[in-house]
N, C-alpha and C. Protein backbone atom coordinates (compact mmCIF):
# COMPACT_ATOMS: atom_id res chain seq x y z
N MET A 1 9.12 76.63 112.66
CA MET A 1 8.08 76.07 113.50
C MET A 1 6.74 76.74 113.23
N GLN A 2 6.73 78.07 113.11
CA GLN A 2 5.49 78.79 112.86
C GLN A 2 4.90 78.41 111.50
N LYS A 3 5.75 78.23 110.51
CA LYS A 3 5.27 77.87 109.18
C LYS A 3 4.61 76.50 109.20
N GLU A 4 5.17 75.59 109.99
CA GLU A 4 4.59 74.25 110.11
C GLU A 4 3.21 74.32 110.75
N ILE A 5 3.09 75.13 111.78
CA ILE A 5 1.81 75.28 112.47
C ILE A 5 0.77 75.89 111.54
N LEU A 6 1.16 76.94 110.81
CA LEU A 6 0.23 77.56 109.86
C LEU A 6 -0.19 76.59 108.77
N SER A 7 0.74 75.78 108.32
CA SER A 7 0.43 74.78 107.31
C SER A 7 -0.57 73.76 107.83
N GLU A 8 -0.38 73.33 109.07
CA GLU A 8 -1.30 72.36 109.68
C GLU A 8 -2.67 72.97 109.89
N ILE A 9 -2.73 74.23 110.27
CA ILE A 9 -4.01 74.92 110.44
C ILE A 9 -4.74 74.99 109.10
N LYS A 10 -4.03 75.29 108.03
CA LYS A 10 -4.65 75.33 106.71
C LYS A 10 -5.20 73.97 106.31
N GLU A 11 -4.44 72.91 106.63
CA GLU A 11 -4.91 71.55 106.33
C GLU A 11 -6.17 71.22 107.13
N LEU A 12 -6.19 71.61 108.38
CA LEU A 12 -7.37 71.37 109.21
C LEU A 12 -8.58 72.14 108.69
N ARG A 13 -8.34 73.36 108.28
CA ARG A 13 -9.43 74.18 107.73
C ARG A 13 -10.00 73.53 106.47
N THR A 14 -9.11 73.06 105.61
CA THR A 14 -9.54 72.39 104.39
C THR A 14 -10.35 71.14 104.71
N ALA A 15 -9.87 70.36 105.65
CA ALA A 15 -10.59 69.14 106.03
C ALA A 15 -11.95 69.47 106.63
N LEU A 16 -11.99 70.50 107.45
CA LEU A 16 -13.25 70.89 108.08
C LEU A 16 -14.27 71.37 107.04
N THR A 17 -13.82 72.13 106.06
CA THR A 17 -14.75 72.60 105.04
C THR A 17 -15.31 71.43 104.23
N GLN A 18 -14.50 70.41 104.02
CA GLN A 18 -14.98 69.24 103.29
C GLN A 18 -15.97 68.44 104.12
N VAL A 19 -15.68 68.27 105.39
CA VAL A 19 -16.59 67.52 106.28
C VAL A 19 -17.92 68.25 106.40
N LEU A 20 -17.88 69.56 106.51
CA LEU A 20 -19.09 70.34 106.67
C LEU A 20 -19.84 70.55 105.35
N GLY A 21 -19.19 70.23 104.24
CA GLY A 21 -19.84 70.41 102.95
C GLY A 21 -19.88 71.85 102.49
N ILE A 22 -18.95 72.64 102.97
CA ILE A 22 -18.94 74.06 102.59
C ILE A 22 -17.71 74.40 101.76
N SER A 23 -17.04 73.39 101.24
CA SER A 23 -15.83 73.63 100.48
C SER A 23 -16.12 74.33 99.15
N ASN A 24 -17.36 74.25 98.66
CA ASN A 24 -17.71 74.91 97.41
C ASN A 24 -18.06 76.38 97.59
N PHE A 25 -18.12 76.85 98.83
CA PHE A 25 -18.37 78.26 99.10
C PHE A 25 -17.06 79.02 98.88
N PRO A 26 -17.16 80.30 98.52
CA PRO A 26 -15.94 81.12 98.44
C PRO A 26 -15.25 81.15 99.80
N PRO A 27 -13.92 81.18 99.83
CA PRO A 27 -13.19 81.13 101.11
C PRO A 27 -13.64 82.16 102.14
N ASP A 28 -14.03 83.34 101.70
CA ASP A 28 -14.43 84.36 102.66
C ASP A 28 -15.84 84.13 103.21
N GLN A 29 -16.56 83.15 102.65
CA GLN A 29 -17.92 82.88 103.12
C GLN A 29 -18.06 81.50 103.75
N GLN A 30 -16.98 80.73 103.80
CA GLN A 30 -17.07 79.36 104.27
C GLN A 30 -17.48 79.24 105.73
N PHE A 31 -17.05 80.13 106.57
CA PHE A 31 -17.35 79.99 107.98
C PHE A 31 -18.33 81.06 108.48
N LEU A 32 -19.12 81.58 107.55
CA LEU A 32 -20.18 82.50 107.96
C LEU A 32 -21.28 81.70 108.66
N LYS A 33 -22.02 82.35 109.49
CA LYS A 33 -23.08 81.69 110.25
C LYS A 33 -24.06 80.97 109.32
N GLU A 34 -24.39 81.58 108.20
CA GLU A 34 -25.34 80.99 107.26
C GLU A 34 -24.81 79.68 106.68
N ALA A 35 -23.54 79.66 106.32
CA ALA A 35 -22.94 78.46 105.76
C ALA A 35 -22.90 77.34 106.78
N LEU A 36 -22.56 77.65 108.01
CA LEU A 36 -22.52 76.64 109.06
C LEU A 36 -23.92 76.13 109.39
N ASN A 37 -24.91 77.02 109.36
CA ASN A 37 -26.29 76.59 109.59
C ASN A 37 -26.75 75.66 108.48
N LYS A 38 -26.37 75.95 107.25
CA LYS A 38 -26.74 75.09 106.13
C LYS A 38 -26.13 73.70 106.32
N ALA A 39 -24.88 73.65 106.72
CA ALA A 39 -24.21 72.37 106.95
C ALA A 39 -24.89 71.60 108.09
N ALA A 40 -25.27 72.30 109.14
CA ALA A 40 -25.94 71.66 110.28
C ALA A 40 -27.28 71.07 109.84
N LYS A 41 -28.02 71.79 109.00
CA LYS A 41 -29.30 71.29 108.50
C LYS A 41 -29.11 70.05 107.65
N GLU A 42 -28.05 70.02 106.86
CA GLU A 42 -27.77 68.84 106.04
C GLU A 42 -27.46 67.63 106.92
N PHE A 43 -26.68 67.83 107.98
CA PHE A 43 -26.38 66.74 108.90
C PHE A 43 -27.66 66.26 109.60
N GLN A 44 -28.53 67.19 109.98
CA GLN A 44 -29.79 66.81 110.61
C GLN A 44 -30.66 66.02 109.64
N LYS A 45 -30.68 66.43 108.40
CA LYS A 45 -31.45 65.73 107.38
C LYS A 45 -30.94 64.30 107.21
N LEU A 46 -29.62 64.14 107.14
CA LEU A 46 -29.04 62.80 107.04
C LEU A 46 -29.36 61.96 108.26
N ASN A 47 -29.35 62.58 109.43
CA ASN A 47 -29.66 61.88 110.66
C ASN A 47 -31.09 61.34 110.63
N ILE A 48 -32.00 62.14 110.17
CA ILE A 48 -33.41 61.73 110.09
C ILE A 48 -33.58 60.62 109.06
N GLU A 49 -32.94 60.76 107.90
CA GLU A 49 -33.08 59.77 106.85
C GLU A 49 -32.50 58.43 107.25
N ARG A 50 -31.40 58.42 107.95
CA ARG A 50 -30.72 57.17 108.31
C ARG A 50 -31.16 56.62 109.66
N GLY A 51 -31.74 57.46 110.47
CA GLY A 51 -32.11 57.02 111.80
C GLY A 51 -30.93 56.91 112.75
N GLN A 52 -29.82 57.43 112.35
CA GLN A 52 -28.63 57.43 113.19
C GLN A 52 -27.74 58.59 112.77
N TRP A 53 -26.81 58.94 113.62
CA TRP A 53 -25.90 60.04 113.31
C TRP A 53 -24.86 59.55 112.28
N VAL A 54 -24.49 60.42 111.39
CA VAL A 54 -23.50 60.09 110.37
C VAL A 54 -22.16 59.84 111.04
N GLN A 55 -21.55 58.72 110.73
CA GLN A 55 -20.26 58.35 111.32
C GLN A 55 -19.15 59.17 110.70
């Protein structure tokens, strides 16, 4: 059961890094404040360009 949960957490982490656009960062830097701020700025940029939030 624990192995299944850990596997699912890894899958979620992978999906989250892809959604945030930080999958190209080294694993130890993917969830640093700077990386998350960069992803947030990219989403804001897309929001301004499209006039709507990215679906």
